[in-house]
């Protein structure tokens, strides 16, 4: 029994070290910091009573994208495609979920306005 107790602190240190490495490797920050000018430009658009929510989000995402490009950032299209494919698979797996087109279209525009999917140009 004494032998097992002396092994527990070593095991605890190993598990803690593995957890730290895992968090740093998988949970690292992605993208860039929020650019307030771009966020406020997108938020300043007003929705017309005649446009759909998706069209409004698309206009906001276009405005945000134009501003981010002006600030010399590039969009990570591959990451967007990966996230949209994941959302589509999850929604299509739900037998009672109906057609996920609107949800996917909405999420696509929201992700276009996410600083996590933008990178500094040249990186």
C-alpha atoms as a PDB file:
ATOM      1  CA  UNK A   1       0.000   0.000   0.000  1.00  0.00           C
ATOM      2  CA  UNK A   2       2.865   2.403   0.752  1.00  0.00           C
ATOM      3  CA  UNK A   3       4.276   1.836  -2.722  1.00  0.00           C
ATOM      4  CA  UNK A   4       1.017   2.947  -4.365  1.00  0.00           C
ATOM      5  CA  UNK A   5       0.826   6.133  -2.300  1.00  0.00           C
ATOM      6  CA  UNK A   6       4.302   7.205  -3.351  1.00  0.00           C
ATOM      7  CA  UNK A   7       3.277   6.781  -6.971  1.00  0.00           C
ATOM      8  CA  UNK A   8       0.159   8.989  -6.715  1.00  0.00           C
ATOM      9  CA  UNK A   9       1.969  12.382  -6.646  1.00  0.00           C
ATOM     10  CA  UNK A  10       3.964  11.411  -9.743  1.00  0.00           C
ATOM     11  CA  UNK A  11       0.765  10.344 -11.489  1.00  0.00           C
ATOM     12  CA  UNK A  12      -0.961  13.589 -10.495  1.00  0.00           C
ATOM     13  CA  UNK A  13       1.913  15.661 -11.904  1.00  0.00           C
ATOM     14  CA  UNK A  14       1.841  13.664 -15.143  1.00  0.00           C
ATOM     15  CA  UNK A  15      -1.918  14.087 -15.561  1.00  0.00           C
ATOM     16  CA  UNK A  16      -1.721  17.822 -14.813  1.00  0.00           C
ATOM     17  CA  UNK A  17       1.127  18.258 -17.316  1.00  0.00           C
ATOM     18  CA  UNK A  18      -0.775  16.369 -20.003  1.00  0.00           C
ATOM     19  CA  UNK A  19      -3.865  18.497 -19.371  1.00  0.00           C
ATOM     20  CA  UNK A  20      -1.870  21.726 -19.695  1.00  0.00           C
ATOM     21  CA  UNK A  21      -0.301  20.586 -22.967  1.00  0.00           C
ATOM     22  CA  UNK A  22      -3.710  19.557 -24.294  1.00  0.00           C
ATOM     23  CA  UNK A  23      -5.311  22.891 -23.376  1.00  0.00           C
ATOM     24  CA  UNK A  24      -2.471  24.870 -24.925  1.00  0.00           C
ATOM     25  CA  UNK A  25      -2.483  22.793 -28.113  1.00  0.00           C
ATOM     26  CA  UNK A  26      -6.243  22.650 -28.656  1.00  0.00           C
ATOM     27  CA  UNK A  27      -7.532  25.711 -26.912  1.00  0.00           C
ATOM     28  CA  UNK A  28      -5.142  28.296 -28.228  1.00  0.00           C
ATOM     29  CA  UNK A  29      -6.605  31.551 -29.375  1.00  0.00           C
ATOM     30  CA  UNK A  30      -7.387  31.715 -33.052  1.00  0.00           C
ATOM     31  CA  UNK A  31      -7.935  34.664 -35.270  1.00  0.00           C
ATOM     32  CA  UNK A  32      -7.444  38.277 -34.308  1.00  0.00           C
ATOM     33  CA  UNK A  33      -8.719  40.613 -31.660  1.00  0.00           C
ATOM     34  CA  UNK A  34     -12.051  42.276 -32.297  1.00  0.00           C
ATOM     35  CA  UNK A  35     -11.725  45.386 -34.474  1.00  0.00           C
ATOM     36  CA  UNK A  36     -14.240  47.815 -32.925  1.00  0.00           C
ATOM     37  CA  UNK A  37     -14.513  49.928 -36.079  1.00  0.00           C
ATOM     38  CA  UNK A  38     -15.585  46.910 -38.117  1.00  0.00           C
ATOM     39  CA  UNK A  39     -18.034  45.671 -35.503  1.00  0.00           C
ATOM     40  CA  UNK A  40     -19.642  49.101 -35.187  1.00  0.00           C
ATOM     41  CA  UNK A  41     -19.812  49.457 -38.990  1.00  0.00           C
ATOM     42  CA  UNK A  42     -21.713  46.163 -39.233  1.00  0.00           C
ATOM     43  CA  UNK A  43     -23.941  47.011 -36.276  1.00  0.00           C
ATOM     44  CA  UNK A  44     -24.753  50.459 -37.687  1.00  0.00           C
ATOM     45  CA  UNK A  45     -26.702  48.972 -40.611  1.00  0.00           C
ATOM     46  CA  UNK A  46     -30.435  49.054 -40.139  1.00  0.00           C
ATOM     47  CA  UNK A  47     -32.762  46.327 -41.300  1.00  0.00           C
ATOM     48  CA  UNK A  48     -35.390  47.284 -43.824  1.00  0.00           C
ATOM     49  CA  UNK A  49     -38.893  46.061 -43.135  1.00  0.00           C
ATOM     50  CA  UNK A  50     -38.816  44.352 -46.546  1.00  0.00           C
ATOM     51  CA  UNK A  51     -35.606  42.330 -46.250  1.00  0.00           C
ATOM     52  CA  UNK A  52     -35.205  38.892 -44.761  1.00  0.00           C
ATOM     53  CA  UNK A  53     -33.018  38.208 -41.754  1.00  0.00           C
ATOM     54  CA  UNK A  54     -30.526  36.359 -43.969  1.00  0.00           C
ATOM     55  CA  UNK A  55     -30.254  39.294 -46.389  1.00  0.00           C
ATOM     56  CA  UNK A  56     -29.706  41.678 -43.455  1.00  0.00           C
ATOM     57  CA  UNK A  57     -27.006  39.421 -41.990  1.00  0.00           C
ATOM     58  CA  UNK A  58     -25.372  39.181 -45.424  1.00  0.00           C
ATOM     59  CA  UNK A  59     -25.222  42.973 -45.682  1.00  0.00           C
ATOM     60  CA  UNK A  60     -23.728  43.158 -42.182  1.00  0.00           C
ATOM     61  CA  UNK A  61     -21.170  40.450 -43.011  1.00  0.00           C
ATOM     62  CA  UNK A  62     -20.243  42.212 -46.264  1.00  0.00           C
ATOM     63  CA  UNK A  63     -19.695  45.481 -44.400  1.00  0.00           C
ATOM     64  CA  UNK A  64     -17.644  43.735 -41.709  1.00  0.00           C
ATOM     65  CA  UNK A  65     -15.569  41.911 -44.343  1.00  0.00           C
ATOM     66  CA  UNK A  66     -14.875  45.094 -46.309  1.00  0.00           C
ATOM     67  CA  UNK A  67     -13.694  46.812 -43.137  1.00  0.00           C
ATOM     68  CA  UNK A  68     -11.480  43.876 -42.101  1.00  0.00           C
ATOM     69  CA  UNK A  69      -9.895  43.784 -45.566  1.00  0.00           C
ATOM     70  CA  UNK A  70      -9.272  47.527 -45.310  1.00  0.00           C
ATOM     71  CA  UNK A  71      -7.473  46.816 -42.011  1.00  0.00           C
ATOM     72  CA  UNK A  72      -5.261  44.293 -43.847  1.00  0.00           C
ATOM     73  CA  UNK A  73      -6.800  41.056 -42.587  1.00  0.00           C
ATOM     74  CA  UNK A  74      -7.638  37.996 -44.674  1.00  0.00           C
ATOM     75  CA  UNK A  75     -10.538  35.605 -44.164  1.00  0.00           C
ATOM     76  CA  UNK A  76      -9.947  31.899 -43.467  1.00  0.00           C
ATOM     77  CA  UNK A  77     -12.407  30.374 -45.953  1.00  0.00           C
ATOM     78  CA  UNK A  78     -11.224  26.817 -45.230  1.00  0.00           C
ATOM     79  CA  UNK A  79     -12.093  27.210 -41.548  1.00  0.00           C
ATOM     80  CA  UNK A  80     -15.515  28.609 -42.460  1.00  0.00           C
ATOM     81  CA  UNK A  81     -16.179  25.668 -44.795  1.00  0.00           C
ATOM     82  CA  UNK A  82     -15.133  23.214 -42.076  1.00  0.00           C
ATOM     83  CA  UNK A  83     -17.458  24.781 -39.513  1.00  0.00           C
ATOM     84  CA  UNK A  84     -20.371  25.003 -41.951  1.00  0.00           C
ATOM     85  CA  UNK A  85     -19.906  21.344 -42.930  1.00  0.00           C
ATOM     86  CA  UNK A  86     -19.982  20.389 -39.254  1.00  0.00           C
ATOM     87  CA  UNK A  87     -23.178  22.385 -38.689  1.00  0.00           C
ATOM     88  CA  UNK A  88     -24.772  20.783 -41.764  1.00  0.00           C
ATOM     89  CA  UNK A  89     -23.863  17.271 -40.600  1.00  0.00           C
ATOM     90  CA  UNK A  90     -25.265  17.886 -37.123  1.00  0.00           C
ATOM     91  CA  UNK A  91     -28.480  19.431 -38.442  1.00  0.00           C
ATOM     92  CA  UNK A  92     -28.976  16.721 -41.076  1.00  0.00           C
ATOM     93  CA  UNK A  93     -28.558  14.052 -38.406  1.00  0.00           C
ATOM     94  CA  UNK A  94     -31.592  15.422 -36.557  1.00  0.00           C
ATOM     95  CA  UNK A  95     -34.522  13.516 -38.063  1.00  0.00           C
ATOM     96  CA  UNK A  96     -37.036  16.025 -36.669  1.00  0.00           C
ATOM     97  CA  UNK A  97     -35.002  19.085 -37.612  1.00  0.00           C
ATOM     98  CA  UNK A  98     -36.419  19.837 -41.044  1.00  0.00           C
ATOM     99  CA  UNK A  99     -34.457  21.606 -43.737  1.00  0.00           C
ATOM    100  CA  UNK A 100     -31.359  23.234 -42.198  1.00  0.00           C
ATOM    101  CA  UNK A 101     -30.859  25.702 -45.104  1.00  0.00           C
ATOM    102  CA  UNK A 102     -31.883  28.831 -43.187  1.00  0.00           C
ATOM    103  CA  UNK A 103     -29.916  27.904 -40.083  1.00  0.00           C
ATOM    104  CA  UNK A 104     -26.801  27.180 -42.158  1.00  0.00           C
ATOM    105  CA  UNK A 105     -27.183  30.411 -44.148  1.00  0.00           C
ATOM    106  CA  UNK A 106     -27.591  32.402 -40.941  1.00  0.00           C
ATOM    107  CA  UNK A 107     -24.618  30.754 -39.258  1.00  0.00           C
ATOM    108  CA  UNK A 108     -22.445  31.311 -42.374  1.00  0.00           C
ATOM    109  CA  UNK A 109     -23.031  35.074 -42.193  1.00  0.00           C
ATOM    110  CA  UNK A 110     -22.482  35.152 -38.427  1.00  0.00           C
ATOM    111  CA  UNK A 111     -19.181  33.321 -38.830  1.00  0.00           C
ATOM    112  CA  UNK A 112     -18.072  35.781 -41.515  1.00  0.00           C
ATOM    113  CA  UNK A 113     -18.292  38.424 -38.762  1.00  0.00           C
ATOM    114  CA  UNK A 114     -16.269  36.359 -36.283  1.00  0.00           C
ATOM    115  CA  UNK A 115     -12.741  37.667 -35.585  1.00  0.00           C
ATOM    116  CA  UNK A 116     -11.726  34.044 -34.966  1.00  0.00           C
ATOM    117  CA  UNK A 117     -11.831  33.401 -38.721  1.00  0.00           C
ATOM    118  CA  UNK A 118      -9.690  36.369 -39.711  1.00  0.00           C
ATOM    119  CA  UNK A 119      -5.869  36.425 -39.925  1.00  0.00           C
ATOM    120  CA  UNK A 120      -3.345  39.206 -40.445  1.00  0.00           C
ATOM    121  CA  UNK A 121      -2.381  39.461 -44.118  1.00  0.00           C
ATOM    122  CA  UNK A 122       0.834  37.597 -44.868  1.00  0.00           C
ATOM    123  CA  UNK A 123       0.623  35.177 -41.933  1.00  0.00           C
END
